[in-house]
Amino acid sequence: MALEQQIEELRAEFSACVDAAERKQIEKELNYVKALLATRKAMIEAQTA
């Protein structure tokens, strides 16, 4: 699954979630995937520079 798609799915889960503990877990996962995507983009940019 592409990271962008995973981010969109996590955002949808987060906005539909009412349980505080589950929202916190989804938010952690969302932040992790966002950081992973940013790292990959930076690595690609560094390779093409």
Protein backbone atom coordinates (compact mmCIF):
# COMPACT_ATOMS: atom_id res chain seq x y z
CA MET A 1 0.00 0.00 0.00
CA ALA A 2 1.32 3.43 -0.87
CA LEU A 3 2.09 5.64 2.11
CA GLU A 4 -0.16 8.40 0.79
CA GLN A 5 -3.08 5.97 0.67
CA GLN A 6 -2.31 4.72 4.17
CA ILE A 7 -2.29 8.32 5.44
CA GLU A 8 -5.70 8.99 3.88
CA GLU A 9 -7.13 5.82 5.41
CA LEU A 10 -5.76 6.68 8.84
CA ARG A 11 -7.20 10.19 8.59
CA ALA A 12 -10.60 8.73 7.77
CA GLU A 13 -10.36 6.31 10.70
CA PHE A 14 -9.28 9.12 13.01
CA SER A 15 -12.15 11.41 12.08
CA ALA A 16 -14.71 8.61 12.49
CA CYS A 17 -13.34 7.35 15.82
CA VAL A 18 -15.05 8.31 19.06
CA ASP A 19 -12.93 6.30 21.54
CA ALA A 20 -10.16 8.47 23.02
CA ALA A 21 -7.65 5.63 23.42
CA GLU A 22 -8.21 4.44 19.87
CA ARG A 23 -7.91 8.00 18.53
CA LYS A 24 -4.59 8.35 20.33
CA GLN A 25 -3.32 5.11 18.78
CA ILE A 26 -4.46 6.14 15.30
CA GLU A 27 -2.82 9.54 15.76
CA LYS A 28 0.49 7.89 16.72
CA GLU A 29 0.34 5.65 13.66
CA LEU A 30 -0.59 8.58 11.43
CA ASN A 31 2.34 10.64 12.70
CA TYR A 32 4.69 7.70 12.15
CA VAL A 33 3.55 7.16 8.56
CA LYS A 34 3.78 10.90 7.82
CA ALA A 35 7.35 10.95 9.14
CA LEU A 36 8.21 7.87 7.09
CA LEU A 37 6.84 9.50 3.95
CA ALA A 38 8.77 12.71 4.62
CA THR A 39 11.98 10.71 5.13
CA ARG A 40 11.50 8.83 1.88
CA LYS A 41 10.81 12.03 -0.02
CA ALA A 42 13.95 13.62 1.45
CA MET A 43 16.02 10.60 0.46
CA ILE A 44 14.70 10.77 -3.10
CA GLU A 45 15.43 14.49 -3.30
CA ALA A 46 18.96 13.93 -2.00
CA GLN A 47 19.58 11.27 -4.65
CA THR A 48 18.37 13.48 -7.49
CA ALA A 49 20.24 16.62 -6.37
